[in-house]
Protein backbone atom coordinates (compact mmCIF):
# COMPACT_ATOMS: atom_id res chain seq x y z
CA UNK A 1 3.46 -32.26 -8.90
CA UNK A 2 2.06 -32.12 -5.05
CA UNK A 3 -1.65 -33.25 -4.68
CA UNK A 4 -4.33 -30.46 -4.60
CA UNK A 5 -5.18 -29.40 -0.75
CA UNK A 6 -8.15 -31.02 0.57
CA UNK A 7 -11.00 -28.40 1.30
CA UNK A 8 -12.60 -28.59 4.69
CA UNK A 9 -14.48 -25.98 6.69
CA UNK A 10 -14.37 -26.13 10.84
CA UNK A 11 -17.88 -27.43 12.14
CA UNK A 12 -17.63 -25.29 14.98
CA UNK A 13 -16.47 -22.05 13.65
CA UNK A 14 -16.05 -20.64 9.90
CA UNK A 15 -12.39 -20.78 9.67
CA UNK A 16 -11.19 -23.12 6.59
CA UNK A 17 -8.38 -24.50 4.86
CA UNK A 18 -7.82 -21.38 3.53
CA UNK A 19 -5.77 -20.85 6.50
CA UNK A 20 -2.08 -22.27 6.95
CA UNK A 21 -1.16 -24.75 9.56
CA UNK A 22 -4.97 -25.61 10.46
CA UNK A 23 -5.89 -28.95 11.26
CA UNK A 24 -9.26 -30.85 12.19
CA UNK A 25 -9.93 -33.09 14.98
CA UNK A 26 -12.58 -37.07 14.62
CA UNK A 27 -15.21 -33.87 14.80
CA UNK A 28 -14.33 -31.64 11.78
CA UNK A 29 -13.38 -28.28 15.03
CA UNK A 30 -10.01 -26.77 13.85
CA UNK A 31 -6.94 -25.75 16.29
CA UNK A 32 -7.54 -22.26 15.92
CA UNK A 33 -11.20 -22.48 17.72
CA UNK A 34 -9.76 -24.98 20.35
CA UNK A 35 -7.10 -22.89 21.06
CA UNK A 36 -9.09 -19.84 21.27
CA UNK A 37 -11.54 -21.15 23.71
CA UNK A 38 -8.64 -22.61 26.03
CA UNK A 39 -7.41 -18.94 25.75
CA UNK A 40 -11.25 -17.62 26.66
CA UNK A 41 -10.39 -19.33 29.77
CA UNK A 42 -7.38 -17.19 31.06
CA UNK A 43 -8.64 -13.74 30.32
CA UNK A 44 -8.98 -11.12 33.12
CA UNK A 45 -12.97 -10.81 33.10
CA UNK A 46 -14.53 -12.89 35.44
CA UNK A 47 -18.64 -13.16 36.36
CA UNK A 48 -19.67 -11.82 39.81
CA UNK A 49 -17.71 -9.77 42.48
CA UNK A 50 -14.28 -11.66 41.82
CA UNK A 51 -14.06 -10.14 38.15
CA UNK A 52 -15.60 -6.45 39.42
CA UNK A 53 -12.77 -6.67 42.54
CA UNK A 54 -10.00 -6.77 39.60
CA UNK A 55 -11.46 -3.93 37.82
CA UNK A 56 -11.67 -2.10 40.66
CA UNK A 57 -8.14 -3.10 41.99
CA UNK A 58 -6.84 -2.18 38.28
CA UNK A 59 -8.49 1.24 37.70
CA UNK A 60 -7.20 2.14 41.40
CA UNK A 61 -3.68 1.46 40.11
CA UNK A 62 -4.10 3.39 37.20
CA UNK A 63 -5.68 6.81 38.95
CA UNK A 64 -2.76 6.34 41.30
CA UNK A 65 -0.05 6.60 38.95
CA UNK A 66 -2.00 9.13 37.33
CA UNK A 67 -1.96 11.29 40.58
CA UNK A 68 -1.15 14.98 39.92
CA UNK A 69 -0.80 14.76 36.06
CA UNK A 70 -3.46 16.06 33.31
CA UNK A 71 -4.60 12.31 32.41
CA UNK A 72 -3.84 9.20 34.22
CA UNK A 73 -4.30 6.76 31.05
CA UNK A 74 -4.66 7.45 27.17
CA UNK A 75 -6.77 5.54 24.69
CA UNK A 76 -6.47 5.52 20.88
CA UNK A 77 -9.23 5.77 19.02
CA UNK A 78 -10.04 4.65 15.64
CA UNK A 79 -14.07 5.39 15.41
CA UNK A 80 -14.44 1.49 15.64
CA UNK A 81 -16.66 0.24 18.23
CA UNK A 82 -13.97 -1.43 20.41
CA UNK A 83 -11.79 1.42 20.87
CA UNK A 84 -14.63 3.62 21.36
CA UNK A 85 -16.19 1.13 24.16
CA UNK A 86 -13.03 1.15 25.69
CA UNK A 87 -12.67 5.27 25.81
CA UNK A 88 -16.46 5.51 27.37
CA UNK A 89 -15.59 2.52 30.15
CA UNK A 90 -12.36 4.68 30.69
CA UNK A 91 -14.50 7.61 31.29
CA UNK A 92 -17.68 5.45 32.92
CA UNK A 93 -15.04 4.34 35.83
CA UNK A 94 -13.88 7.99 36.54
CA UNK A 95 -10.52 7.80 34.81
CA UNK A 96 -9.43 10.82 32.73
CA UNK A 97 -8.23 9.08 29.32
CA UNK A 98 -6.61 11.30 26.56
CA UNK A 99 -7.75 10.28 23.07
CA UNK A 100 -5.25 9.69 20.54
CA UNK A 101 -5.90 8.90 16.77
CA UNK A 102 -3.59 8.44 13.74
CA UNK A 103 -4.80 10.00 10.50
CA UNK A 104 -2.95 8.57 7.90
CA UNK A 105 -5.36 10.35 4.91
CA UNK A 106 -7.91 7.33 4.77
CA UNK A 107 -10.35 8.28 7.47
CA UNK A 108 -13.97 7.75 6.37
CA UNK A 109 -16.48 10.68 7.34
CA UNK A 110 -18.46 8.55 9.25
CA UNK A 111 -15.29 7.49 11.63
CA UNK A 112 -13.88 11.02 11.90
CA UNK A 113 -17.95 12.01 12.89
CA UNK A 114 -18.10 9.15 15.36
CA UNK A 115 -15.15 10.07 17.25
CA UNK A 116 -16.25 13.74 17.27
CA UNK A 117 -19.52 12.86 18.81
CA UNK A 118 -17.67 10.46 21.49
CA UNK A 119 -14.87 13.01 22.41
CA UNK A 120 -17.39 15.62 22.70
CA UNK A 121 -20.04 14.14 24.65
CA UNK A 122 -17.77 12.57 27.13
CA UNK A 123 -15.54 15.79 27.39
CA UNK A 124 -11.86 14.09 26.41
CA UNK A 125 -9.20 15.86 25.08
CA UNK A 126 -8.32 14.43 21.76
CA UNK A 127 -4.68 14.45 20.12
CA UNK A 128 -5.01 13.60 16.60
CA UNK A 129 -1.60 12.82 14.73
CA UNK A 130 -2.07 13.69 11.00
CA UNK A 131 0.50 11.84 8.38
CA UNK A 132 1.84 13.78 5.60
CA UNK A 133 -0.43 12.51 2.55
CA UNK A 134 2.25 12.42 0.25
CA UNK A 135 4.49 10.77 2.34
CA UNK A 136 1.91 8.05 3.36
CA UNK A 137 1.20 7.23 -0.06
CA UNK A 138 4.79 6.79 -1.05
CA UNK A 139 5.31 4.27 1.65
CA UNK A 140 2.05 2.08 0.40
CA UNK A 141 3.39 2.47 -3.26
CA UNK A 142 6.43 0.70 -1.65
CA UNK A 143 4.50 -1.53 0.22
CA UNK A 144 2.23 -2.46 -3.14
CA UNK A 145 5.68 -2.55 -5.33
CA UNK A 146 6.74 -4.92 -2.84
CA UNK A 147 3.65 -7.07 -3.44
CA UNK A 148 3.68 -8.21 0.77
CA UNK A 149 0.52 -8.85 2.18
CA UNK A 150 0.36 -6.64 4.78
CA UNK A 151 -0.16 -3.06 3.91
CA UNK A 152 -1.66 -2.11 6.79
CA UNK A 153 1.74 -2.48 8.80
CA UNK A 154 1.89 0.96 8.38
CA UNK A 155 -1.11 2.11 9.80
CA UNK A 156 -0.74 -0.53 13.27
CA UNK A 157 2.67 0.47 13.73
CA UNK A 158 1.98 4.22 13.18
CA UNK A 159 -0.75 3.58 15.60
CA UNK A 160 1.38 1.90 17.85
CA UNK A 161 3.87 4.76 17.97
CA UNK A 162 1.64 7.04 18.38
CA UNK A 163 0.19 5.85 21.37
CA UNK A 164 3.42 5.40 23.04
CA UNK A 165 4.92 8.32 22.38
CA UNK A 166 1.95 10.12 23.61
CA UNK A 167 1.68 8.24 26.88
CA UNK A 168 5.26 9.11 27.09
CA UNK A 169 5.18 13.00 26.90
CA UNK A 170 2.21 13.16 29.34
CA UNK A 171 4.42 10.77 31.48
CA UNK A 172 1.06 8.25 31.36
CA UNK A 173 1.96 4.85 32.48
CA UNK A 174 -0.89 3.25 30.91
CA UNK A 175 -2.22 2.55 27.63
CA UNK A 176 -5.95 1.13 27.77
CA UNK A 177 -6.71 -0.21 24.48
CA UNK A 178 -10.09 -1.70 22.97
CA UNK A 179 -7.62 -4.89 21.96
CA UNK A 180 -9.86 -8.04 23.80
CA UNK A 181 -10.18 -11.85 23.45
CA UNK A 182 -14.05 -11.57 23.05
CA UNK A 183 -14.16 -9.98 19.55
CA UNK A 184 -10.33 -10.61 18.32
CA UNK A 185 -8.98 -13.11 20.59
CA UNK A 186 -8.54 -15.87 17.81
CA UNK A 187 -4.94 -15.90 16.73
CA UNK A 188 -4.19 -14.77 13.12
CA UNK A 189 -3.19 -17.45 10.60
CA UNK A 190 0.38 -16.35 10.45
CA UNK A 191 0.76 -15.88 6.26
CA UNK A 192 -2.27 -13.54 6.81
CA UNK A 193 -0.44 -10.91 8.41
CA UNK A 194 2.99 -9.12 9.61
CA UNK A 195 5.24 -8.24 12.47
CA UNK A 196 3.69 -5.39 13.68
CA UNK A 197 6.60 -3.92 15.40
CA UNK A 198 8.52 -4.29 12.52
CA UNK A 199 10.12 -1.13 11.97
CA UNK A 200 12.98 -2.45 9.93
CA UNK A 201 10.74 -3.99 7.46
CA UNK A 202 9.03 -0.94 7.05
CA UNK A 203 12.30 1.41 6.14
CA UNK A 204 13.89 -1.57 3.91
CA UNK A 205 10.73 -1.72 1.75
CA UNK A 206 10.51 1.93 1.56
CA UNK A 207 14.36 2.64 0.88
CA UNK A 208 13.91 -0.22 -1.73
CA UNK A 209 11.15 0.83 -3.36
CA UNK A 210 9.75 4.44 -2.32
CA UNK A 211 10.54 7.79 -4.06
CA UNK A 212 13.45 8.66 -2.01
CA UNK A 213 12.33 11.74 -0.08
CA UNK A 214 12.67 11.93 3.53
CA UNK A 215 10.33 10.46 6.14
CA UNK A 216 9.28 13.13 8.56
CA UNK A 217 5.70 12.78 9.90
CA UNK A 218 5.55 9.15 9.84
CA UNK A 219 5.84 7.97 13.76
CA UNK A 220 7.55 4.27 13.97
CA UNK A 221 8.33 2.25 16.37
CA UNK A 222 10.63 -0.96 16.98
CA UNK A 223 11.94 -3.65 19.06
CA UNK A 224 14.09 -1.10 20.67
CA UNK A 225 11.76 1.59 20.89
CA UNK A 226 9.34 -1.24 22.18
CA UNK A 227 12.23 -1.78 25.24
CA UNK A 228 12.51 1.54 25.91
CA UNK A 229 9.12 2.39 26.33
CA UNK A 230 7.39 -0.97 28.21
CA UNK A 231 11.00 -1.61 30.08
CA UNK A 232 12.39 1.89 30.70
CA UNK A 233 9.54 4.51 30.58
CA UNK A 234 7.02 1.67 32.77
CA UNK A 235 4.63 1.87 30.32
CA UNK A 236 2.06 -0.54 29.92
CA UNK A 237 -0.15 -1.50 27.03
CA UNK A 238 -3.43 -3.23 28.40
CA UNK A 239 -6.43 -4.74 26.55
CA UNK A 240 -9.05 -3.06 29.14
CA UNK A 241 -11.67 -4.45 27.81
CA UNK A 242 -10.64 -7.97 29.06
CA UNK A 243 -11.71 -6.36 32.37
CA UNK A 244 -15.57 -6.51 31.61
CA UNK A 245 -18.22 -8.68 30.13
CA UNK A 246 -17.40 -6.97 26.58
CA UNK A 247 -20.90 -8.14 24.16
CA UNK A 248 -20.05 -6.22 20.79
CA UNK A 249 -23.54 -6.24 20.12
CA UNK A 250 -24.93 -4.41 23.23
CA UNK A 251 -21.84 -2.28 23.26
CA UNK A 252 -22.66 -0.57 19.61
CA UNK A 253 -26.49 -0.48 20.47
CA UNK A 254 -25.88 1.72 23.82
CA UNK A 255 -23.06 3.74 21.79
CA UNK A 256 -25.71 4.16 19.33
CA UNK A 257 -28.40 4.96 21.13
CA UNK A 258 -26.60 7.11 23.78
CA UNK A 259 -23.66 8.75 21.92
CA UNK A 260 -24.54 8.84 18.62
CA UNK A 261 -22.19 6.42 17.02
CA UNK A 262 -22.73 4.75 13.59
CA UNK A 263 -22.02 0.87 12.94
CA UNK A 264 -19.89 -0.35 9.60
CA UNK A 265 -20.82 -3.48 8.05
CA UNK A 266 -17.67 -5.45 9.42
CA UNK A 267 -14.57 -4.96 11.76
CA UNK A 268 -12.15 -2.32 11.21
CA UNK A 269 -14.35 -0.83 8.10
CA UNK A 270 -13.99 3.00 9.58
CA UNK A 271 -11.04 2.86 7.36
CA UNK A 272 -11.84 3.52 3.49
CA UNK A 273 -8.68 1.86 2.85
CA UNK A 274 -9.37 -0.95 5.28
CA UNK A 275 -12.40 -1.63 3.93
CA UNK A 276 -10.89 -1.92 0.19
CA UNK A 277 -7.75 -3.83 1.42
CA UNK A 278 -10.03 -6.42 3.88
CA UNK A 279 -12.55 -6.38 1.23
CA UNK A 280 -11.07 -6.40 -2.14
CA UNK A 281 -7.38 -6.53 -2.28
CA UNK A 282 -6.71 -9.25 0.08
CA UNK A 283 -9.43 -11.66 -1.29
CA UNK A 284 -8.42 -10.87 -4.81
CA UNK A 285 -4.58 -11.18 -4.92
CA UNK A 286 -3.73 -13.05 -1.77
CA UNK A 287 -6.72 -15.75 -1.34
CA UNK A 288 -7.54 -14.32 2.04
CA UNK A 289 -10.86 -13.59 3.57
CA UNK A 290 -10.24 -11.84 6.90
CA UNK A 291 -14.22 -12.03 7.68
CA UNK A 292 -13.32 -15.81 8.37
CA UNK A 293 -10.81 -14.73 11.70
CA UNK A 294 -12.97 -11.70 12.89
CA UNK A 295 -16.43 -14.08 12.47
CA UNK A 296 -15.00 -16.96 13.89
CA UNK A 297 -14.23 -14.95 17.16
CA UNK A 298 -17.86 -13.71 17.27
CA UNK A 299 -19.03 -17.21 17.44
CA UNK A 300 -16.51 -19.06 19.73
CA UNK A 301 -17.23 -16.16 22.30
CA UNK A 302 -20.99 -16.85 21.91
CA UNK A 303 -21.92 -13.37 20.51
CA UNK A 304 -22.80 -14.77 16.92
CA UNK A 305 -24.57 -17.63 15.92
CA UNK A 306 -22.77 -19.84 13.04
CA UNK A 307 -25.30 -20.63 10.78
CA UNK A 308 -25.63 -16.14 10.83
CA UNK A 309 -21.77 -16.12 10.48
CA UNK A 310 -21.95 -18.25 7.32
CA UNK A 311 -24.68 -16.08 5.60
CA UNK A 312 -22.81 -13.21 6.04
CA UNK A 313 -19.72 -15.37 4.29
CA UNK A 314 -21.95 -16.36 1.26
CA UNK A 315 -22.10 -12.48 0.82
CA UNK A 316 -19.89 -10.44 -1.09
CA UNK A 317 -17.38 -8.08 1.67
CA UNK A 318 -19.29 -5.40 -0.61
CA UNK A 319 -22.85 -6.64 -0.90
CA UNK A 320 -23.70 -3.39 -3.30
CA UNK A 321 -21.52 -3.39 -6.08
CA UNK A 322 -22.04 0.43 -6.55
CA UNK A 323 -20.06 0.67 -3.20
CA UNK A 324 -17.36 -1.47 -4.53
CA UNK A 325 -16.93 0.63 -7.63
CA UNK A 326 -17.12 3.85 -5.68
CA UNK A 327 -13.98 2.17 -3.40
CA UNK A 328 -12.25 1.20 -6.83
CA UNK A 329 -12.59 4.57 -7.98
CA UNK A 330 -11.80 6.59 -4.84
CA UNK A 331 -8.73 4.21 -4.38
CA UNK A 332 -7.21 4.95 -8.15
CA UNK A 333 -7.69 8.66 -7.60
CA UNK A 334 -6.02 8.92 -4.31
CA UNK A 335 -2.90 6.68 -5.21
CA UNK A 336 -3.09 8.42 -8.65
CA UNK A 337 -3.07 4.58 -10.05
CA UNK A 338 -4.55 4.06 -13.94
CA UNK A 339 -6.81 1.17 -13.32
CA UNK A 340 -4.20 -0.84 -15.36
CA UNK A 341 -2.20 -0.52 -12.60
CA UNK A 342 -4.50 -2.28 -10.18
CA UNK A 343 -4.86 -4.89 -12.84
CA UNK A 344 -0.90 -5.79 -12.81
CA UNK A 345 -0.64 -5.54 -8.93
CA UNK A 346 -3.47 -8.00 -8.68
CA UNK A 347 -1.97 -10.25 -11.09
CA UNK A 348 1.33 -10.70 -9.76
CA UNK A 349 2.17 -12.94 -7.07
CA UNK A 350 2.65 -12.22 -3.52
CA UNK A 351 6.20 -12.10 -1.87
CA UNK A 352 6.79 -12.75 1.65
CA UNK A 353 7.82 -9.71 3.72
CA UNK A 354 11.00 -11.07 4.91
CA UNK A 355 12.27 -11.02 1.49
CA UNK A 356 13.48 -7.61 2.56
CA UNK A 357 14.84 -6.47 5.78
CA UNK A 358 13.33 -7.29 9.00
CA UNK A 359 13.56 -7.47 13.01
CA UNK A 360 11.28 -9.73 13.69
CA UNK A 361 13.98 -12.55 14.72
CA UNK A 362 15.66 -9.89 17.43
CA UNK A 363 11.86 -9.49 18.52
CA UNK A 364 11.74 -13.25 19.15
CA UNK A 365 15.34 -12.81 20.78
CA UNK A 366 14.20 -10.26 22.70
CA UNK A 367 10.83 -11.54 24.25
CA UNK A 368 12.92 -14.94 25.26
CA UNK A 369 15.15 -13.05 27.22
CA UNK A 370 12.44 -10.94 28.64
CA UNK A 371 10.32 -14.54 29.54
CA UNK A 372 13.88 -15.85 31.33
CA UNK A 373 14.31 -13.01 33.24
CA UNK A 374 10.19 -13.17 34.23
CA UNK A 375 10.76 -16.65 35.71
CA UNK A 376 14.27 -15.61 37.95
CA UNK A 377 12.22 -13.31 39.82
């Protein structure tokens, strides 16, 4: 019989031994935050004139590429603070963005209000891609029946696809994203999610467990689609916030004060499903609390005190029990599940994504080829 894994808690961030491949040095500091500290030194933003110069050069390049077009960039917006701040900064820098939102049927009313306030007050055009709910519910049901961990692969993949598709439609060369090092740069433990461009995995799971209906409104992106958008059409995905000294609390305060933005208790809680998934399903079924990663990133980037992060982790992701009960009721009604079905799902063990078809190995080969060609030039 294997000995039980020794539990350890990082002395510098708030990651712990629930993360696979975690290692601790003699001071009790983990490799996740150690690697993140190294990565932080490589981010584009630098204080003073050098950082401002890099940003100005990049903005000028975006403007030049968009000359004569309706838009010079695409910005995906979810209603969360990162993407909202990226959109605001685009406008502040004199860019002409098209805001793009992907509606999978799980948006909270607060997220909808935040997006509406943002685009109205900034005077920005908004394109919303709506996925047919019955279609999306069938896809989610297939993922639940497959017992894989990353049910959010569906949303993330569709969001990537919509952004690239809209950029291609409008001949835009830049997608300026709210992705950034300072609030989400720490590496995700490999068993906590799945490869986000895995269209094959999505369709393999759906074909095995779905109801057999056609998938018409769900946009999907795979490895070859990525090559087409990036290498052939020349569309760049840029973590725009890395060109700024991004402090989440400062950004949130400004958005609230100037643009009527209302915050959420935790990262990615603008979606009702994401809130329920991260706050209840992941911890219950897979023993994963993604708050550890999100809070550790803020601690290491100096945006949160470690003691404050520890206190937040000591609380339930649902500090108010009524909120959890309401979300359970809403989830069951929307998915058309009896409570017994939720109990059965939580009781079953998780299964790896690569039990089903996957293009992850193809992606890895393509990235090796791309890296090799870069070294030749």
